[in-house]
């Protein structure tokens, strides 16, 4: 068999999946932002290479999420990686990028989730269960 030139890897930019992630009740457009800043990304990049190429993203959250957006910030300029303004927990899939995005040391990656909890009577906390919440970008990249 002929092997590919590169192996692919996964980089997850996520809110803590625990009780520190709180979505209040009765909110129509509640936003949370998660960052993998320069220090976070530099530690990761030391293990892979000077530059990685993102070719896909699978946004992930649970039932209250309505929008998920992933961005790259380099030298103060924000570039959108993916955006889903109609996120549906029951329709999750990998979004293949039209053009690969290079990520380098010094960059920041963000994930922003928007939730609708207007029908909830109490706060929803981060967690693994469907009744909990998450806010993740699962980025597919090479080389690993």
C-alpha atoms as a PDB file:
ATOM      1  CA  UNK A   1       0.000   0.000   0.000  1.00  0.00           C
ATOM      2  CA  UNK A   2       1.052   3.566  -0.653  1.00  0.00           C
ATOM      3  CA  UNK A   3       1.051   5.713   2.484  1.00  0.00           C
ATOM      4  CA  UNK A   4      -0.062   9.327   2.546  1.00  0.00           C
ATOM      5  CA  UNK A   5       2.553  12.022   2.982  1.00  0.00           C
ATOM      6  CA  UNK A   6       1.040  13.225   6.296  1.00  0.00           C
ATOM      7  CA  UNK A   7      -0.972  11.849   9.180  1.00  0.00           C
ATOM      8  CA  UNK A   8      -3.949  13.923  10.326  1.00  0.00           C
ATOM      9  CA  UNK A   9      -4.650  15.002  13.888  1.00  0.00           C
ATOM     10  CA  UNK A  10      -7.428  16.585  15.915  1.00  0.00           C
ATOM     11  CA  UNK A  11      -7.173  19.789  17.978  1.00  0.00           C
ATOM     12  CA  UNK A  12     -10.150  20.503  20.252  1.00  0.00           C
ATOM     13  CA  UNK A  13     -10.794  24.097  21.327  1.00  0.00           C
ATOM     14  CA  UNK A  14     -13.337  23.754  24.116  1.00  0.00           C
ATOM     15  CA  UNK A  15     -14.928  25.363  27.123  1.00  0.00           C
ATOM     16  CA  UNK A  16     -14.249  23.410  30.312  1.00  0.00           C
ATOM     17  CA  UNK A  17     -16.673  20.503  30.341  1.00  0.00           C
ATOM     18  CA  UNK A  18     -17.661  20.998  33.974  1.00  0.00           C
ATOM     19  CA  UNK A  19     -19.687  23.198  36.302  1.00  0.00           C
ATOM     20  CA  UNK A  20     -17.630  26.298  35.430  1.00  0.00           C
ATOM     21  CA  UNK A  21     -19.539  26.442  32.134  1.00  0.00           C
ATOM     22  CA  UNK A  22     -22.934  27.940  33.000  1.00  0.00           C
ATOM     23  CA  UNK A  23     -25.820  28.845  30.710  1.00  0.00           C
ATOM     24  CA  UNK A  24     -28.354  30.908  32.693  1.00  0.00           C
ATOM     25  CA  UNK A  25     -32.114  30.349  32.352  1.00  0.00           C
ATOM     26  CA  UNK A  26     -34.384  32.645  30.310  1.00  0.00           C
ATOM     27  CA  UNK A  27     -31.621  33.779  27.918  1.00  0.00           C
ATOM     28  CA  UNK A  28     -32.361  34.154  24.200  1.00  0.00           C
ATOM     29  CA  UNK A  29     -28.817  34.780  22.912  1.00  0.00           C
ATOM     30  CA  UNK A  30     -26.347  33.851  25.660  1.00  0.00           C
ATOM     31  CA  UNK A  31     -22.760  33.662  24.358  1.00  0.00           C
ATOM     32  CA  UNK A  32     -19.676  31.895  25.637  1.00  0.00           C
ATOM     33  CA  UNK A  33     -16.190  32.307  24.185  1.00  0.00           C
ATOM     34  CA  UNK A  34     -13.335  29.856  24.459  1.00  0.00           C
ATOM     35  CA  UNK A  35      -9.752  30.668  23.527  1.00  0.00           C
ATOM     36  CA  UNK A  36      -6.658  28.657  22.777  1.00  0.00           C
ATOM     37  CA  UNK A  37      -4.312  31.633  23.121  1.00  0.00           C
ATOM     38  CA  UNK A  38      -0.647  31.976  22.199  1.00  0.00           C
ATOM     39  CA  UNK A  39       0.592  30.105  25.278  1.00  0.00           C
ATOM     40  CA  UNK A  40      -1.905  27.279  24.834  1.00  0.00           C
ATOM     41  CA  UNK A  41      -1.200  26.953  21.127  1.00  0.00           C
ATOM     42  CA  UNK A  42       2.592  27.249  21.498  1.00  0.00           C
ATOM     43  CA  UNK A  43       2.692  24.272  23.872  1.00  0.00           C
ATOM     44  CA  UNK A  44       0.677  22.254  21.349  1.00  0.00           C
ATOM     45  CA  UNK A  45       2.729  23.416  18.352  1.00  0.00           C
ATOM     46  CA  UNK A  46       5.975  22.407  20.063  1.00  0.00           C
ATOM     47  CA  UNK A  47       4.742  18.818  19.823  1.00  0.00           C
ATOM     48  CA  UNK A  48       3.654  18.908  16.171  1.00  0.00           C
ATOM     49  CA  UNK A  49       5.411  21.432  13.925  1.00  0.00           C
ATOM     50  CA  UNK A  50       5.885  25.121  13.244  1.00  0.00           C
ATOM     51  CA  UNK A  51       2.690  25.257  11.185  1.00  0.00           C
ATOM     52  CA  UNK A  52      -0.370  23.081  10.857  1.00  0.00           C
ATOM     53  CA  UNK A  53      -3.036  23.132   8.155  1.00  0.00           C
ATOM     54  CA  UNK A  54      -6.682  22.937   9.243  1.00  0.00           C
ATOM     55  CA  UNK A  55      -8.891  21.292   6.621  1.00  0.00           C
ATOM     56  CA  UNK A  56     -12.092  20.611   8.581  1.00  0.00           C
ATOM     57  CA  UNK A  57     -14.033  21.450  11.729  1.00  0.00           C
ATOM     58  CA  UNK A  58     -16.780  19.679  13.631  1.00  0.00           C
ATOM     59  CA  UNK A  59     -18.536  22.161  15.901  1.00  0.00           C
ATOM     60  CA  UNK A  60     -20.068  20.480  18.931  1.00  0.00           C
ATOM     61  CA  UNK A  61     -22.476  21.575  21.636  1.00  0.00           C
ATOM     62  CA  UNK A  62     -25.678  20.188  23.123  1.00  0.00           C
ATOM     63  CA  UNK A  63     -29.395  21.015  23.008  1.00  0.00           C
ATOM     64  CA  UNK A  64     -29.392  24.725  23.899  1.00  0.00           C
ATOM     65  CA  UNK A  65     -26.794  25.761  21.301  1.00  0.00           C
ATOM     66  CA  UNK A  66     -28.054  27.722  18.305  1.00  0.00           C
ATOM     67  CA  UNK A  67     -24.837  29.092  16.771  1.00  0.00           C
ATOM     68  CA  UNK A  68     -21.177  28.037  16.793  1.00  0.00           C
ATOM     69  CA  UNK A  69     -18.341  30.038  15.294  1.00  0.00           C
ATOM     70  CA  UNK A  70     -14.607  29.254  15.145  1.00  0.00           C
ATOM     71  CA  UNK A  71     -11.989  31.879  14.335  1.00  0.00           C
ATOM     72  CA  UNK A  72      -8.250  32.316  13.978  1.00  0.00           C
ATOM     73  CA  UNK A  73      -6.635  35.517  15.272  1.00  0.00           C
ATOM     74  CA  UNK A  74      -3.196  36.405  13.910  1.00  0.00           C
ATOM     75  CA  UNK A  75      -1.542  39.780  14.493  1.00  0.00           C
ATOM     76  CA  UNK A  76      -4.870  41.215  15.657  1.00  0.00           C
ATOM     77  CA  UNK A  77      -6.727  40.151  12.493  1.00  0.00           C
ATOM     78  CA  UNK A  78      -9.631  37.735  12.925  1.00  0.00           C
ATOM     79  CA  UNK A  79     -10.317  35.124  10.218  1.00  0.00           C
ATOM     80  CA  UNK A  80     -13.395  32.939  10.348  1.00  0.00           C
ATOM     81  CA  UNK A  81     -12.690  29.209  10.180  1.00  0.00           C
ATOM     82  CA  UNK A  82     -16.319  28.039  10.282  1.00  0.00           C
ATOM     83  CA  UNK A  83     -19.680  29.502  11.211  1.00  0.00           C
ATOM     84  CA  UNK A  84     -22.974  27.715  11.804  1.00  0.00           C
ATOM     85  CA  UNK A  85     -25.831  30.113  12.514  1.00  0.00           C
ATOM     86  CA  UNK A  86     -28.364  27.255  12.603  1.00  0.00           C
ATOM     87  CA  UNK A  87     -26.626  24.692  14.786  1.00  0.00           C
ATOM     88  CA  UNK A  88     -28.695  21.552  15.356  1.00  0.00           C
ATOM     89  CA  UNK A  89     -27.579  18.962  17.919  1.00  0.00           C
ATOM     90  CA  UNK A  90     -29.279  16.276  15.827  1.00  0.00           C
ATOM     91  CA  UNK A  91     -27.339  17.188  12.675  1.00  0.00           C
ATOM     92  CA  UNK A  92     -23.660  17.125  13.570  1.00  0.00           C
ATOM     93  CA  UNK A  93     -21.033  16.658  10.896  1.00  0.00           C
ATOM     94  CA  UNK A  94     -17.517  17.709   9.881  1.00  0.00           C
ATOM     95  CA  UNK A  95     -17.439  20.908   7.843  1.00  0.00           C
ATOM     96  CA  UNK A  96     -14.701  20.544   5.237  1.00  0.00           C
ATOM     97  CA  UNK A  97     -13.109  23.931   4.558  1.00  0.00           C
ATOM     98  CA  UNK A  98     -13.135  25.339   1.026  1.00  0.00           C
ATOM     99  CA  UNK A  99      -9.546  26.447   1.661  1.00  0.00           C
ATOM    100  CA  UNK A 100      -7.158  25.109   4.279  1.00  0.00           C
ATOM    101  CA  UNK A 101      -6.187  27.529   7.034  1.00  0.00           C
ATOM    102  CA  UNK A 102      -2.598  27.578   8.282  1.00  0.00           C
ATOM    103  CA  UNK A 103      -2.139  27.944  12.038  1.00  0.00           C
ATOM    104  CA  UNK A 104       1.204  29.052  13.447  1.00  0.00           C
ATOM    105  CA  UNK A 105       2.823  29.690  16.804  1.00  0.00           C
ATOM    106  CA  UNK A 106       1.593  33.007  18.164  1.00  0.00           C
ATOM    107  CA  UNK A 107      -1.930  32.564  16.782  1.00  0.00           C
ATOM    108  CA  UNK A 108      -5.108  32.366  18.859  1.00  0.00           C
ATOM    109  CA  UNK A 109      -8.049  30.104  18.043  1.00  0.00           C
ATOM    110  CA  UNK A 110     -11.517  30.898  19.397  1.00  0.00           C
ATOM    111  CA  UNK A 111     -14.818  29.076  19.646  1.00  0.00           C
ATOM    112  CA  UNK A 112     -17.974  31.095  20.296  1.00  0.00           C
ATOM    113  CA  UNK A 113     -21.288  29.424  21.127  1.00  0.00           C
ATOM    114  CA  UNK A 114     -24.679  31.106  21.327  1.00  0.00           C
ATOM    115  CA  UNK A 115     -27.397  29.429  23.380  1.00  0.00           C
ATOM    116  CA  UNK A 116     -31.150  29.834  23.731  1.00  0.00           C
ATOM    117  CA  UNK A 117     -32.325  28.898  27.223  1.00  0.00           C
ATOM    118  CA  UNK A 118     -35.485  31.035  27.325  1.00  0.00           C
ATOM    119  CA  UNK A 119     -37.600  27.971  28.162  1.00  0.00           C
ATOM    120  CA  UNK A 120     -35.342  26.792  31.010  1.00  0.00           C
ATOM    121  CA  UNK A 121     -36.314  27.411  34.644  1.00  0.00           C
ATOM    122  CA  UNK A 122     -32.789  26.855  35.994  1.00  0.00           C
ATOM    123  CA  UNK A 123     -29.190  27.158  34.833  1.00  0.00           C
ATOM    124  CA  UNK A 124     -27.622  24.458  32.662  1.00  0.00           C
ATOM    125  CA  UNK A 125     -24.049  23.461  33.481  1.00  0.00           C
ATOM    126  CA  UNK A 126     -21.276  22.075  31.349  1.00  0.00           C
ATOM    127  CA  UNK A 127     -20.962  18.309  31.281  1.00  0.00           C
ATOM    128  CA  UNK A 128     -20.878  15.169  29.182  1.00  0.00           C
ATOM    129  CA  UNK A 129     -24.616  14.449  29.295  1.00  0.00           C
ATOM    130  CA  UNK A 130     -26.963  15.669  26.587  1.00  0.00           C
ATOM    131  CA  UNK A 131     -28.857  17.659  29.233  1.00  0.00           C
ATOM    132  CA  UNK A 132     -25.608  19.502  30.040  1.00  0.00           C
ATOM    133  CA  UNK A 133     -23.822  21.867  27.646  1.00  0.00           C
ATOM    134  CA  UNK A 134     -20.556  22.046  25.743  1.00  0.00           C
ATOM    135  CA  UNK A 135     -18.879  24.480  23.356  1.00  0.00           C
ATOM    136  CA  UNK A 136     -16.260  22.877  21.130  1.00  0.00           C
ATOM    137  CA  UNK A 137     -14.514  23.183  17.809  1.00  0.00           C
ATOM    138  CA  UNK A 138     -12.949  19.892  16.795  1.00  0.00           C
ATOM    139  CA  UNK A 139     -10.353  20.937  14.229  1.00  0.00           C
ATOM    140  CA  UNK A 140      -8.907  18.414  11.773  1.00  0.00           C
ATOM    141  CA  UNK A 141      -5.351  19.247  10.729  1.00  0.00           C
ATOM    142  CA  UNK A 142      -2.092  17.963   9.253  1.00  0.00           C
ATOM    143  CA  UNK A 143       0.777  17.206   9.765  1.00  0.00           C
ATOM    144  CA  UNK A 144       0.364  15.418  13.059  1.00  0.00           C
END
